[in-house]
Each structure stands twice: as C-alpha cells, then as structure tokens.
C-alpha cells in the first residue's frame, strides 16, 4: 500500500442505540465524541441504530408472517376466475 493515502485504522467504540451495547473494535471511522472504555482509555465513539446485538436475525426474535391468511385474503378478493 502507498503510504499517506489511506485513512488511519484505529480503535473505535461502536455503541448500539437500540440495545445500549458497546463494542470496541478497529475501524477507519472517526467521531468527535469520546467515551472512556473499561480499560481506562478514551476512544472515539460512533452511535449506530442497529447492530448484531439488536438485529432480529442475530437475536432470533424475528416475527413470522401469516402467509396462509394472506393467500386466503387474495382468494376471497379475486377468487378463482
């Protein structure tokens, strides 16, 4: 890689606003807001709306749609022509 053309890859805290969970990882994202982490160091914090801690796919709280009811509603409306 050419030096001086890539953004800095540094530790950043991502905080999930839906569940309140925070993750310390490395990223090129930056932020003016900072937070003190468990190790006593201060890191930039990026607030995200959804992460693996609150996404239905990862948590297993996905809702099941009633497909049979939707098909019956379609049949009543349009019938077998």
C-alpha atoms as a PDB file:
ATOM      1  CA  UNK A   1       0.000   0.000   0.000  1.00  0.00           C
ATOM      2  CA  UNK A   2       1.151   3.522  -0.713  1.00  0.00           C
ATOM      3  CA  UNK A   3       1.925   5.464   2.456  1.00  0.00           C
ATOM      4  CA  UNK A   4      -0.107   8.581   3.250  1.00  0.00           C
ATOM      5  CA  UNK A   5      -3.187   7.913   1.067  1.00  0.00           C
ATOM      6  CA  UNK A   6      -5.176   5.598   3.357  1.00  0.00           C
ATOM      7  CA  UNK A   7      -7.215   6.696   6.395  1.00  0.00           C
ATOM      8  CA  UNK A   8      -5.966   5.815   9.864  1.00  0.00           C
ATOM      9  CA  UNK A   9      -7.110   2.410  11.165  1.00  0.00           C
ATOM     10  CA  UNK A  10      -7.539   2.885  14.901  1.00  0.00           C
ATOM     11  CA  UNK A  11      -9.595   1.557  17.849  1.00  0.00           C
ATOM     12  CA  UNK A  12     -13.185   2.866  17.882  1.00  0.00           C
ATOM     13  CA  UNK A  13     -16.176   2.102  20.131  1.00  0.00           C
ATOM     14  CA  UNK A  14     -19.456   1.363  18.326  1.00  0.00           C
ATOM     15  CA  UNK A  15     -22.480   1.903  20.580  1.00  0.00           C
ATOM     16  CA  UNK A  16     -25.860   0.382  19.637  1.00  0.00           C
ATOM     17  CA  UNK A  17     -28.603   2.895  20.444  1.00  0.00           C
ATOM     18  CA  UNK A  18     -31.332   0.208  20.339  1.00  0.00           C
ATOM     19  CA  UNK A  19     -29.831  -2.122  22.950  1.00  0.00           C
ATOM     20  CA  UNK A  20     -27.186   0.037  24.644  1.00  0.00           C
ATOM     21  CA  UNK A  21     -24.440  -2.482  23.878  1.00  0.00           C
ATOM     22  CA  UNK A  22     -20.977  -1.180  23.002  1.00  0.00           C
ATOM     23  CA  UNK A  23     -18.206  -2.871  21.007  1.00  0.00           C
ATOM     24  CA  UNK A  24     -14.531  -1.926  20.914  1.00  0.00           C
ATOM     25  CA  UNK A  25     -13.033  -2.686  17.509  1.00  0.00           C
ATOM     26  CA  UNK A  26     -10.735  -1.150  14.928  1.00  0.00           C
ATOM     27  CA  UNK A  27     -12.108   0.999  12.124  1.00  0.00           C
ATOM     28  CA  UNK A  28     -11.363   3.924   9.831  1.00  0.00           C
ATOM     29  CA  UNK A  29     -14.464   5.789  11.095  1.00  0.00           C
ATOM     30  CA  UNK A  30     -13.886   8.857  13.227  1.00  0.00           C
ATOM     31  CA  UNK A  31     -16.007  10.836  15.655  1.00  0.00           C
ATOM     32  CA  UNK A  32     -15.755  13.978  17.743  1.00  0.00           C
ATOM     33  CA  UNK A  33     -17.488  12.248  20.673  1.00  0.00           C
ATOM     34  CA  UNK A  34     -15.373  10.128  23.006  1.00  0.00           C
ATOM     35  CA  UNK A  35     -16.072   7.576  25.728  1.00  0.00           C
ATOM     36  CA  UNK A  36     -13.950   6.081  28.475  1.00  0.00           C
ATOM     37  CA  UNK A  37     -13.711   2.319  27.964  1.00  0.00           C
ATOM     38  CA  UNK A  38     -13.393  -0.436  30.595  1.00  0.00           C
ATOM     39  CA  UNK A  39      -9.590  -0.410  30.338  1.00  0.00           C
ATOM     40  CA  UNK A  40      -9.460   3.275  31.362  1.00  0.00           C
ATOM     41  CA  UNK A  41      -8.508   4.573  27.903  1.00  0.00           C
ATOM     42  CA  UNK A  42     -10.563   7.100  25.966  1.00  0.00           C
ATOM     43  CA  UNK A  43     -11.732   6.151  22.475  1.00  0.00           C
ATOM     44  CA  UNK A  44     -13.901   7.846  19.837  1.00  0.00           C
ATOM     45  CA  UNK A  45     -17.487   6.569  19.917  1.00  0.00           C
ATOM     46  CA  UNK A  46     -19.784   6.051  16.908  1.00  0.00           C
ATOM     47  CA  UNK A  47     -23.503   5.595  17.622  1.00  0.00           C
ATOM     48  CA  UNK A  48     -25.271   3.108  15.345  1.00  0.00           C
ATOM     49  CA  UNK A  49     -29.007   2.412  15.151  1.00  0.00           C
ATOM     50  CA  UNK A  50     -28.754  -1.360  14.872  1.00  0.00           C
ATOM     51  CA  UNK A  51     -26.031  -3.960  15.345  1.00  0.00           C
ATOM     52  CA  UNK A  52     -25.737  -7.697  15.907  1.00  0.00           C
ATOM     53  CA  UNK A  53     -26.916  -7.139  19.495  1.00  0.00           C
ATOM     54  CA  UNK A  54     -30.323  -5.835  18.389  1.00  0.00           C
ATOM     55  CA  UNK A  55     -30.871  -7.146  14.843  1.00  0.00           C
ATOM     56  CA  UNK A  56     -33.668  -9.766  14.664  1.00  0.00           C
ATOM     57  CA  UNK A  57     -31.588 -12.120  12.515  1.00  0.00           C
ATOM     58  CA  UNK A  58     -28.886 -12.420  15.183  1.00  0.00           C
ATOM     59  CA  UNK A  59     -31.142 -12.315  18.247  1.00  0.00           C
ATOM     60  CA  UNK A  60     -33.699 -14.842  16.969  1.00  0.00           C
ATOM     61  CA  UNK A  61     -36.690 -12.604  17.672  1.00  0.00           C
ATOM     62  CA  UNK A  62     -37.890 -12.369  14.074  1.00  0.00           C
ATOM     63  CA  UNK A  63     -41.639 -12.243  13.528  1.00  0.00           C
ATOM     64  CA  UNK A  64     -43.298 -14.944  11.433  1.00  0.00           C
ATOM     65  CA  UNK A  65     -45.793 -13.702   8.859  1.00  0.00           C
ATOM     66  CA  UNK A  66     -49.113 -15.453   8.440  1.00  0.00           C
ATOM     67  CA  UNK A  67     -48.755 -16.488   4.798  1.00  0.00           C
ATOM     68  CA  UNK A  68     -51.841 -18.705   4.838  1.00  0.00           C
ATOM     69  CA  UNK A  69     -54.040 -15.789   5.838  1.00  0.00           C
ATOM     70  CA  UNK A  70     -52.619 -13.635   3.076  1.00  0.00           C
ATOM     71  CA  UNK A  71     -53.312 -16.299   0.448  1.00  0.00           C
ATOM     72  CA  UNK A  72     -56.881 -16.758   1.691  1.00  0.00           C
ATOM     73  CA  UNK A  73     -57.433 -12.997   1.577  1.00  0.00           C
ATOM     74  CA  UNK A  74     -56.188 -12.931  -2.016  1.00  0.00           C
ATOM     75  CA  UNK A  75     -58.508 -15.839  -2.945  1.00  0.00           C
ATOM     76  CA  UNK A  76     -61.537 -14.085  -1.384  1.00  0.00           C
ATOM     77  CA  UNK A  77     -60.767 -10.834  -3.151  1.00  0.00           C
ATOM     78  CA  UNK A  78     -60.045 -12.184  -6.630  1.00  0.00           C
ATOM     79  CA  UNK A  79     -61.391 -15.742  -6.457  1.00  0.00           C
ATOM     80  CA  UNK A  80     -60.625 -18.493  -8.927  1.00  0.00           C
ATOM     81  CA  UNK A  81     -61.568 -16.933 -12.254  1.00  0.00           C
END
